[in-house]
Amino acid sequence: MVKLASEKDELGDHTTPSELWPRLYSELDSLGLNPEQDDRSITYDFNSRRKTIKRGSFDVTIYSLRAKT
């Protein structure tokens, strides 16, 4: 998520969490983690079990990571 949090648009502004949400799905898919998405969460394989990240938690994590830089 650190990589996603650091993404910026063509004007140099941080990409919004709304724009990053589908990219998270794509990243998980490219890693072969079999993501499944509904309106508010993405569930994916991790260490032989399924994990879920909710949209609100994702947004908070993105903003928190940005605050640390």
C-alpha atoms as a PDB file:
ATOM      1  CA  MET A   1       0.000   0.000   0.000  1.00  0.00           C
ATOM      2  CA  VAL A   2       2.990   2.282   0.442  1.00  0.00           C
ATOM      3  CA  LYS A   3       3.461   2.258  -3.326  1.00  0.00           C
ATOM      4  CA  LEU A   4      -0.194   3.139  -3.903  1.00  0.00           C
ATOM      5  CA  ALA A   5      -0.142   5.883  -1.256  1.00  0.00           C
ATOM      6  CA  SER A   6       2.781   7.576  -2.976  1.00  0.00           C
ATOM      7  CA  GLU A   7       1.105   7.746  -6.406  1.00  0.00           C
ATOM      8  CA  LYS A   8       0.454  11.198  -7.820  1.00  0.00           C
ATOM      9  CA  ASP A   9      -1.589  12.462 -10.739  1.00  0.00           C
ATOM     10  CA  GLU A  10      -0.312  14.418 -13.740  1.00  0.00           C
ATOM     11  CA  LEU A  11      -0.480  17.672 -11.732  1.00  0.00           C
ATOM     12  CA  GLY A  12       1.646  16.243  -8.919  1.00  0.00           C
ATOM     13  CA  ASP A  13      -1.232  15.884  -6.449  1.00  0.00           C
ATOM     14  CA  HIS A  14      -1.767  12.654  -4.546  1.00  0.00           C
ATOM     15  CA  THR A  15      -4.140  10.273  -6.287  1.00  0.00           C
ATOM     16  CA  THR A  16      -7.379   9.989  -4.309  1.00  0.00           C
ATOM     17  CA  PRO A  17      -8.187   6.779  -2.439  1.00  0.00           C
ATOM     18  CA  SER A  18     -11.227   6.414  -4.735  1.00  0.00           C
ATOM     19  CA  GLU A  19      -8.907   6.286  -7.722  1.00  0.00           C
ATOM     20  CA  LEU A  20      -6.523   3.923  -5.936  1.00  0.00           C
ATOM     21  CA  TRP A  21      -9.171   1.401  -4.854  1.00  0.00           C
ATOM     22  CA  PRO A  22      -9.399  -0.336  -8.280  1.00  0.00           C
ATOM     23  CA  ARG A  23      -5.619  -0.271  -8.488  1.00  0.00           C
ATOM     24  CA  LEU A  24      -5.430  -2.199  -5.226  1.00  0.00           C
ATOM     25  CA  TYR A  25      -7.599  -4.894  -6.786  1.00  0.00           C
ATOM     26  CA  SER A  26      -5.338  -4.956  -9.856  1.00  0.00           C
ATOM     27  CA  GLU A  27      -2.199  -5.232  -7.727  1.00  0.00           C
ATOM     28  CA  LEU A  28      -3.650  -8.121  -5.724  1.00  0.00           C
ATOM     29  CA  ASP A  29      -4.729  -9.826  -8.940  1.00  0.00           C
ATOM     30  CA  SER A  30      -1.296  -9.386 -10.551  1.00  0.00           C
ATOM     31  CA  LEU A  31       0.240 -11.036  -7.461  1.00  0.00           C
ATOM     32  CA  GLY A  32      -2.044 -14.058  -7.962  1.00  0.00           C
ATOM     33  CA  LEU A  33      -3.951 -13.463  -4.710  1.00  0.00           C
ATOM     34  CA  ASN A  34      -7.390 -14.161  -6.235  1.00  0.00           C
ATOM     35  CA  PRO A  35      -9.152 -10.979  -5.125  1.00  0.00           C
ATOM     36  CA  GLU A  36     -12.931 -10.736  -4.964  1.00  0.00           C
ATOM     37  CA  GLN A  37     -14.619  -7.356  -4.668  1.00  0.00           C
ATOM     38  CA  ASP A  38     -18.008  -6.178  -3.501  1.00  0.00           C
ATOM     39  CA  ASP A  39     -19.239  -2.625  -2.938  1.00  0.00           C
ATOM     40  CA  ARG A  40     -17.257  -2.053   0.267  1.00  0.00           C
ATOM     41  CA  SER A  41     -14.418  -4.567   0.473  1.00  0.00           C
ATOM     42  CA  ILE A  42     -11.836  -6.703  -1.291  1.00  0.00           C
ATOM     43  CA  THR A  43     -11.114 -10.229  -0.080  1.00  0.00           C
ATOM     44  CA  TYR A  44      -7.910 -11.963  -1.173  1.00  0.00           C
ATOM     45  CA  ASP A  45      -5.655 -14.951  -0.433  1.00  0.00           C
ATOM     46  CA  PHE A  46      -2.820 -14.370   2.019  1.00  0.00           C
ATOM     47  CA  ASN A  47      -0.690 -16.992   3.781  1.00  0.00           C
ATOM     48  CA  SER A  48      -3.116 -19.846   3.049  1.00  0.00           C
ATOM     49  CA  ARG A  49      -6.217 -17.963   4.241  1.00  0.00           C
ATOM     50  CA  ARG A  50      -8.554 -15.231   3.059  1.00  0.00           C
ATOM     51  CA  LYS A  51      -8.143 -11.652   4.268  1.00  0.00           C
ATOM     52  CA  THR A  52     -10.502  -8.714   3.751  1.00  0.00           C
ATOM     53  CA  ILE A  53      -9.795  -5.010   3.524  1.00  0.00           C
ATOM     54  CA  LYS A  54     -12.754  -2.686   3.791  1.00  0.00           C
ATOM     55  CA  ARG A  55     -12.931   0.483   1.758  1.00  0.00           C
ATOM     56  CA  GLY A  56     -12.975   2.768   4.813  1.00  0.00           C
ATOM     57  CA  SER A  57      -9.908   1.064   6.309  1.00  0.00           C
ATOM     58  CA  PHE A  58      -8.119   1.383   2.983  1.00  0.00           C
ATOM     59  CA  ASP A  59      -8.814   5.134   2.870  1.00  0.00           C
ATOM     60  CA  VAL A  60      -7.551   5.618   6.435  1.00  0.00           C
ATOM     61  CA  THR A  61      -4.426   3.580   5.705  1.00  0.00           C
ATOM     62  CA  ILE A  62      -3.640   5.628   2.589  1.00  0.00           C
ATOM     63  CA  TYR A  63      -3.997   8.928   4.480  1.00  0.00           C
ATOM     64  CA  SER A  64      -1.962   7.586   7.413  1.00  0.00           C
ATOM     65  CA  LEU A  65       0.869   6.477   5.155  1.00  0.00           C
ATOM     66  CA  ARG A  66       0.919   9.880   3.481  1.00  0.00           C
ATOM     67  CA  ALA A  67       1.066  11.650   6.842  1.00  0.00           C
ATOM     68  CA  LYS A  68       4.243   9.740   7.689  1.00  0.00           C
ATOM     69  CA  THR A  69       6.111  11.014   4.634  1.00  0.00           C
END
